[in-house]
C-alpha atoms as a PDB file:
ATOM      1  CA  MET A   1     136.544  93.131 129.690  1.00  0.00           C
ATOM      2  CA  LYS A   2     133.946  91.128 131.351  1.00  0.00           C
ATOM      3  CA  LEU A   3     134.856  87.144 131.501  1.00  0.00           C
ATOM      4  CA  ALA A   4     133.336  84.502 133.281  1.00  0.00           C
ATOM      5  CA  GLY A   5     130.775  87.260 135.191  1.00  0.00           C
ATOM      6  CA  ALA A   6     133.980  89.161 136.233  1.00  0.00           C
ATOM      7  CA  GLU A   7     135.768  92.156 135.292  1.00  0.00           C
ATOM      8  CA  VAL A   8     139.486  91.186 134.304  1.00  0.00           C
ATOM      9  CA  SER A   9     141.888  93.474 132.613  1.00  0.00           C
ATOM     10  CA  ALA A  10     142.749  92.468 129.178  1.00  0.00           C
ATOM     11  CA  ALA A  11     146.493  92.626 130.240  1.00  0.00           C
ATOM     12  CA  ARG A  12     146.164  90.514 133.400  1.00  0.00           C
ATOM     13  CA  PHE A  13     144.298  87.735 131.294  1.00  0.00           C
ATOM     14  CA  ALA A  14     146.687  88.058 128.352  1.00  0.00           C
ATOM     15  CA  LEU A  15     149.311  86.884 130.342  1.00  0.00           C
ATOM     16  CA  PRO A  16     148.515  83.296 131.582  1.00  0.00           C
ATOM     17  CA  VAL A  17     147.054  82.643 128.394  1.00  0.00           C
ATOM     18  CA  ILE A  18     150.368  83.538 126.237  1.00  0.00           C
ATOM     19  CA  ALA A  19     152.228  81.420 129.261  1.00  0.00           C
ATOM     20  CA  MET A  20     150.316  78.584 128.378  1.00  0.00           C
ATOM     21  CA  MET A  21     150.377  78.617 124.843  1.00  0.00           C
ATOM     22  CA  ALA A  22     154.245  78.689 124.938  1.00  0.00           C
ATOM     23  CA  VAL A  23     154.303  76.099 127.867  1.00  0.00           C
ATOM     24  CA  VAL A  24     152.161  73.508 125.581  1.00  0.00           C
ATOM     25  CA  ALA A  25     153.656  74.331 122.092  1.00  0.00           C
ATOM     26  CA  ALA A  26     157.413  73.998 123.186  1.00  0.00           C
ATOM     27  CA  SER A  27     156.345  70.686 125.139  1.00  0.00           C
ATOM     28  CA  ASN A  28     154.931  69.214 122.070  1.00  0.00           C
ATOM     29  CA  VAL A  29     158.266  70.035 120.125  1.00  0.00           C
ATOM     30  CA  ALA A  30     160.365  68.883 123.194  1.00  0.00           C
ATOM     31  CA  VAL A  31     158.497  65.572 123.529  1.00  0.00           C
ATOM     32  CA  GLN A  32     159.559  64.635 120.117  1.00  0.00           C
ATOM     33  CA  TYR A  33     163.476  64.270 121.162  1.00  0.00           C
ATOM     34  CA  PRO A  34     164.712  61.881 123.949  1.00  0.00           C
ATOM     35  CA  VAL A  35     166.966  62.535 126.683  1.00  0.00           C
ATOM     36  CA  GLU A  36     170.160  61.165 125.599  1.00  0.00           C
ATOM     37  CA  LEU A  37     172.169  62.222 128.563  1.00  0.00           C
ATOM     38  CA  PHE A  38     173.152  59.399 131.052  1.00  0.00           C
ATOM     39  CA  GLY A  39     171.623  56.777 128.727  1.00  0.00           C
ATOM     40  CA  LEU A  40     167.971  58.083 129.495  1.00  0.00           C
ATOM     41  CA  GLN A  41     166.734  58.081 125.634  1.00  0.00           C
ATOM     42  CA  GLU A  42     164.186  55.295 126.304  1.00  0.00           C
ATOM     43  CA  ALA A  43     162.931  56.510 129.472  1.00  0.00           C
ATOM     44  CA  LEU A  44     162.492  60.410 129.042  1.00  0.00           C
ATOM     45  CA  THR A  45     161.766  63.056 126.504  1.00  0.00           C
ATOM     46  CA  TRP A  46     162.520  66.678 127.092  1.00  0.00           C
ATOM     47  CA  GLY A  47     158.974  67.412 127.135  1.00  0.00           C
ATOM     48  CA  ALA A  48     158.628  66.082 130.803  1.00  0.00           C
ATOM     49  CA  PHE A  49     160.586  69.139 131.938  1.00  0.00           C
ATOM     50  CA  THR A  50     158.461  71.803 130.467  1.00  0.00           C
ATOM     51  CA  TYR A  51     155.110  70.833 130.514  1.00  0.00           C
ATOM     52  CA  PRO A  52     154.484  70.940 134.211  1.00  0.00           C
ATOM     53  CA  VAL A  53     155.232  74.621 133.817  1.00  0.00           C
ATOM     54  CA  ALA A  54     151.399  74.759 132.878  1.00  0.00           C
ATOM     55  CA  PHE A  55     150.300  73.685 136.093  1.00  0.00           C
ATOM     56  CA  LEU A  56     152.057  76.124 138.011  1.00  0.00           C
ATOM     57  CA  VAL A  57     150.666  78.876 135.365  1.00  0.00           C
ATOM     58  CA  ASN A  58     147.017  77.221 136.274  1.00  0.00           C
ATOM     59  CA  ASP A  59     147.430  77.389 139.863  1.00  0.00           C
ATOM     60  CA  LEU A  60     148.768  80.735 140.090  1.00  0.00           C
ATOM     61  CA  THR A  61     145.803  81.750 137.944  1.00  0.00           C
ATOM     62  CA  ASN A  62     143.194  80.005 140.031  1.00  0.00           C
ATOM     63  CA  ARG A  63     144.314  81.443 143.036  1.00  0.00           C
ATOM     64  CA  ARG A  64     144.516  84.899 141.622  1.00  0.00           C
ATOM     65  CA  PHE A  65     141.260  85.079 139.766  1.00  0.00           C
ATOM     66  CA  GLY A  66     139.290  81.984 140.802  1.00  0.00           C
ATOM     67  CA  PRO A  67     138.362  78.755 138.872  1.00  0.00           C
ATOM     68  CA  ALA A  68     135.928  80.707 136.356  1.00  0.00           C
ATOM     69  CA  VAL A  69     138.585  82.798 134.776  1.00  0.00           C
ATOM     70  CA  ALA A  70     140.963  79.719 135.250  1.00  0.00           C
ATOM     71  CA  ARG A  71     138.883  77.687 132.852  1.00  0.00           C
ATOM     72  CA  GLN A  72     138.591  80.335 130.363  1.00  0.00           C
ATOM     73  CA  VAL A  73     142.690  80.905 130.206  1.00  0.00           C
ATOM     74  CA  VAL A  74     142.835  77.084 129.882  1.00  0.00           C
ATOM     75  CA  TYR A  75     140.215  77.306 126.983  1.00  0.00           C
ATOM     76  CA  PHE A  76     141.894  79.970 125.162  1.00  0.00           C
ATOM     77  CA  GLY A  77     145.452  78.415 125.807  1.00  0.00           C
ATOM     78  CA  PHE A  78     144.155  74.967 124.389  1.00  0.00           C
ATOM     79  CA  ALA A  79     142.971  76.712 121.135  1.00  0.00           C
ATOM     80  CA  LEU A  80     145.588  78.446 120.425  1.00  0.00           C
ATOM     81  CA  ALA A  81     148.280  75.743 121.521  1.00  0.00           C
ATOM     82  CA  VAL A  82     146.660  73.203 119.078  1.00  0.00           C
ATOM     83  CA  VAL A  83     146.875  75.501 115.955  1.00  0.00           C
ATOM     84  CA  LEU A  84     150.290  76.330 116.946  1.00  0.00           C
ATOM     85  CA  SER A  85     151.315  72.862 117.789  1.00  0.00           C
ATOM     86  CA  ILE A  86     149.879  71.751 114.442  1.00  0.00           C
ATOM     87  CA  TRP A  87     152.588  73.933 112.603  1.00  0.00           C
ATOM     88  CA  LEU A  88     155.437  72.879 115.152  1.00  0.00           C
ATOM     89  CA  ALA A  89     154.782  69.131 115.717  1.00  0.00           C
ATOM     90  CA  THR A  90     152.413  66.355 113.712  1.00  0.00           C
ATOM     91  CA  PRO A  91     148.795  66.806 113.779  1.00  0.00           C
ATOM     92  CA  ARG A  92     148.448  63.726 115.927  1.00  0.00           C
ATOM     93  CA  ILE A  93     150.748  64.780 118.584  1.00  0.00           C
ATOM     94  CA  ALA A  94     149.070  68.450 118.730  1.00  0.00           C
ATOM     95  CA  LEU A  95     145.607  66.875 118.935  1.00  0.00           C
ATOM     96  CA  ALA A  96     146.642  64.433 121.639  1.00  0.00           C
ATOM     97  CA  SER A  97     148.437  67.127 123.360  1.00  0.00           C
ATOM     98  CA  GLY A  98     145.634  69.554 123.078  1.00  0.00           C
ATOM     99  CA  THR A  99     142.904  66.427 124.545  1.00  0.00           C
ATOM    100  CA  ALA A 100     145.030  66.006 127.410  1.00  0.00           C
ATOM    101  CA  PHE A 101     145.970  69.660 128.300  1.00  0.00           C
ATOM    102  CA  LEU A 102     142.215  70.411 128.314  1.00  0.00           C
ATOM    103  CA  ILE A 103     141.041  67.442 130.453  1.00  0.00           C
ATOM    104  CA  GLY A 104     144.003  67.374 132.439  1.00  0.00           C
ATOM    105  CA  GLN A 105     144.232  71.095 133.399  1.00  0.00           C
ATOM    106  CA  LEU A 106     140.394  71.172 134.047  1.00  0.00           C
ATOM    107  CA  LEU A 107     140.815  68.384 136.633  1.00  0.00           C
ATOM    108  CA  ASP A 108     143.536  70.620 138.218  1.00  0.00           C
ATOM    109  CA  ILE A 109     141.303  73.496 138.745  1.00  0.00           C
ATOM    110  CA  ASN A 110     138.559  71.512 140.258  1.00  0.00           C
ATOM    111  CA  VAL A 111     140.629  69.624 142.605  1.00  0.00           C
ATOM    112  CA  PHE A 112     142.564  73.140 143.426  1.00  0.00           C
ATOM    113  CA  ASN A 113     139.220  74.846 143.941  1.00  0.00           C
ATOM    114  CA  ARG A 114     138.168  71.998 146.369  1.00  0.00           C
ATOM    115  CA  LEU A 115     141.133  72.504 148.478  1.00  0.00           C
ATOM    116  CA  ARG A 116     142.159  75.815 148.276  1.00  0.00           C
ATOM    117  CA  ARG A 117     140.875  76.608 152.017  1.00  0.00           C
ATOM    118  CA  MET A 118     143.414  73.952 153.141  1.00  0.00           C
ATOM    119  CA  SER A 119     147.129  74.633 153.530  1.00  0.00           C
ATOM    120  CA  TRP A 120     148.622  76.427 150.981  1.00  0.00           C
ATOM    121  CA  TRP A 121     150.791  73.693 149.562  1.00  0.00           C
ATOM    122  CA  GLN A 122     147.900  71.152 149.727  1.00  0.00           C
ATOM    123  CA  ALA A 123     145.833  72.361 146.674  1.00  0.00           C
ATOM    124  CA  PRO A 124     148.910  73.270 144.021  1.00  0.00           C
ATOM    125  CA  LEU A 125     150.207  69.792 144.788  1.00  0.00           C
ATOM    126  CA  ALA A 126     147.034  67.711 144.681  1.00  0.00           C
ATOM    127  CA  GLY A 127     145.827  69.468 141.865  1.00  0.00           C
ATOM    128  CA  SER A 128     149.122  69.060 139.879  1.00  0.00           C
ATOM    129  CA  MET A 129     149.271  65.155 141.050  1.00  0.00           C
ATOM    130  CA  PHE A 130     146.055  64.247 139.571  1.00  0.00           C
ATOM    131  CA  GLY A 131     145.877  66.535 136.137  1.00  0.00           C
ATOM    132  CA  SER A 132     149.304  65.277 135.461  1.00  0.00           C
ATOM    133  CA  ALA A 133     148.357  61.743 135.868  1.00  0.00           C
ATOM    134  CA  LEU A 134     145.233  61.992 133.860  1.00  0.00           C
ATOM    135  CA  ASP A 135     147.214  64.464 131.365  1.00  0.00           C
ATOM    136  CA  THR A 136     150.205  61.585 130.982  1.00  0.00           C
ATOM    137  CA  ALA A 137     147.956  58.658 130.232  1.00  0.00           C
ATOM    138  CA  LEU A 138     145.866  60.474 127.656  1.00  0.00           C
ATOM    139  CA  PHE A 139     148.655  62.219 126.007  1.00  0.00           C
ATOM    140  CA  PHE A 140     151.074  59.163 125.456  1.00  0.00           C
ATOM    141  CA  SER A 141     148.161  56.512 124.502  1.00  0.00           C
ATOM    142  CA  LEU A 142     146.436  59.111 122.070  1.00  0.00           C
ATOM    143  CA  ALA A 143     149.961  60.493 120.451  1.00  0.00           C
ATOM    144  CA  PHE A 144     152.049  57.013 120.378  1.00  0.00           C
ATOM    145  CA  ALA A 145     150.092  53.997 120.919  1.00  0.00           C
ATOM    146  CA  GLY A 146     150.225  51.870 117.735  1.00  0.00           C
ATOM    147  CA  ASP A 147     152.918  53.994 116.648  1.00  0.00           C
ATOM    148  CA  GLU A 148     155.385  51.283 115.239  1.00  0.00           C
ATOM    149  CA  ALA A 149     158.517  53.619 115.964  1.00  0.00           C
ATOM    150  CA  MET A 150     157.187  54.495 119.466  1.00  0.00           C
ATOM    151  CA  SER A 151     155.734  50.709 120.397  1.00  0.00           C
ATOM    152  CA  PHE A 152     158.862  48.636 120.387  1.00  0.00           C
ATOM    153  CA  PRO A 153     159.507  46.523 123.487  1.00  0.00           C
ATOM    154  CA  VAL A 154     161.752  48.064 125.835  1.00  0.00           C
ATOM    155  CA  THR A 155     163.276  45.805 128.904  1.00  0.00           C
ATOM    156  CA  TYR A 156     164.130  47.934 132.242  1.00  0.00           C
ATOM    157  CA  ALA A 157     167.241  46.557 133.348  1.00  0.00           C
ATOM    158  CA  LEU A 158     166.449  47.234 137.229  1.00  0.00           C
ATOM    159  CA  THR A 159     162.766  45.638 137.052  1.00  0.00           C
ATOM    160  CA  GLY A 160     163.292  43.431 134.130  1.00  0.00           C
ATOM    161  CA  ILE A 161     159.742  44.858 133.141  1.00  0.00           C
ATOM    162  CA  THR A 162     159.529  44.802 129.122  1.00  0.00           C
ATOM    163  CA  VAL A 163     156.769  47.380 128.068  1.00  0.00           C
ATOM    164  CA  PRO A 164     156.493  49.526 124.381  1.00  0.00           C
ATOM    165  CA  LEU A 165     158.574  52.128 124.434  1.00  0.00           C
ATOM    166  CA  TRP A 166     155.643  54.772 124.830  1.00  0.00           C
ATOM    167  CA  VAL A 167     154.267  53.178 128.079  1.00  0.00           C
ATOM    168  CA  GLY A 168     157.921  53.615 129.609  1.00  0.00           C
ATOM    169  CA  LEU A 169     158.133  56.751 128.615  1.00  0.00           C
ATOM    170  CA  ALA A 170     154.851  57.594 130.263  1.00  0.00           C
ATOM    171  CA  PHE A 171     155.866  55.837 133.385  1.00  0.00           C
ATOM    172  CA  PHE A 172     158.968  58.154 133.557  1.00  0.00           C
ATOM    173  CA  ASP A 173     157.430  61.151 132.305  1.00  0.00           C
ATOM    174  CA  PHE A 174     154.973  61.063 135.099  1.00  0.00           C
ATOM    175  CA  LEU A 175     157.567  60.465 137.831  1.00  0.00           C
ATOM    176  CA  VAL A 176     159.367  63.623 136.941  1.00  0.00           C
ATOM    177  CA  LYS A 177     156.001  65.564 136.601  1.00  0.00           C
ATOM    178  CA  VAL A 178     155.604  64.290 140.227  1.00  0.00           C
ATOM    179  CA  GLY A 179     159.292  65.981 141.070  1.00  0.00           C
ATOM    180  CA  CYS A 180     158.358  68.945 138.890  1.00  0.00           C
ATOM    181  CA  ALA A 181     154.978  69.518 141.011  1.00  0.00           C
ATOM    182  CA  LEU A 182     157.027  69.485 144.207  1.00  0.00           C
ATOM    183  CA  LEU A 183     159.723  71.824 143.101  1.00  0.00           C
ATOM    184  CA  ALA A 184     156.825  74.067 141.832  1.00  0.00           C
ATOM    185  CA  LEU A 185     155.802  74.635 145.263  1.00  0.00           C
ATOM    186  CA  LEU A 186     158.833  77.128 145.695  1.00  0.00           C
ATOM    187  CA  PRO A 187     157.779  79.449 143.185  1.00  0.00           C
ATOM    188  CA  TYR A 188     154.257  79.233 144.201  1.00  0.00           C
ATOM    189  CA  GLY A 189     154.759  80.005 147.739  1.00  0.00           C
ATOM    190  CA  ALA A 190     157.130  82.809 146.992  1.00  0.00           C
ATOM    191  CA  LEU A 191     154.456  84.458 144.673  1.00  0.00           C
ATOM    192  CA  MET A 192     151.806  84.041 147.058  1.00  0.00           C
ATOM    193  CA  GLY A 193     152.180  87.269 148.929  1.00  0.00           C
ATOM    194  CA  TRP A 194     152.281  89.064 145.490  1.00  0.00           C
ATOM    195  CA  LEU A 195     149.346  87.189 144.108  1.00  0.00           C
ATOM    196  CA  LYS A 196     146.009  88.579 146.360  1.00  0.00           C
ATOM    197  CA  PRO A 197     143.872  85.133 146.772  1.00  0.00           C
ATOM    198  CA  TRP A 198     140.504  85.338 144.892  1.00  0.00           C
ATOM    199  CA  GLY A 199     137.563  85.315 147.444  1.00  0.00           C
ATOM    200  CA  GLY A 200     134.841  84.942 145.237  1.00  0.00           C
ATOM    201  CA  THR A 201     134.294  88.460 144.241  1.00  0.00           C
ATOM    202  CA  GLN A 202     133.553  89.519 140.918  1.00  0.00           C
ATOM    203  CA  SER A 203     135.514  92.472 140.381  1.00  0.00           C
ATOM    204  CA  ILE A 204     139.334  91.623 139.587  1.00  0.00           C
ATOM    205  CA  ALA A 205     140.500  93.960 137.261  1.00  0.00           C
ATOM    206  CA  ARG A 206     142.857  95.838 139.469  1.00  0.00           C
END
């Protein structure tokens, strides 16, 4: 199949799209459940641990196929995930997630592509960091701002700072994503030898 001016096998294209769809849909369900271990129910949801996988999928796709194909994967993954998430979660969460996903992942692609010639770890780490920051801010504000159940004030003992619950969740969610971005360098580095890097060619159907 011809995609973004390149010949890409349908099977190779389907794998990252399905992975993206699964990660986003799972995260939209997981974000509705607080982490109740160790008293973290006012600090984290389980979605913080599942969503960062989307950045790993995006960066590996970008490395192998280049930015044009990576953007198409994001568009397909976005559309399918929103439709599936409306069924699995609330429409507001699905739309907030879709918007944050689309903008955050496209930023990740742009940052990654600018840094792809630098040290192997800089492009995926920087792309994930910037993309995660924007994604987190957009998702939590669009999904929960003004929601009475998510906006009651919470005071965090170590700092004495009081913020709406969704703001606190967003902050700690981002911290987890930073940690996951660092951990994701391990599988990314392990797969580098297997995924031949994109070099600007238009024939990548192998």
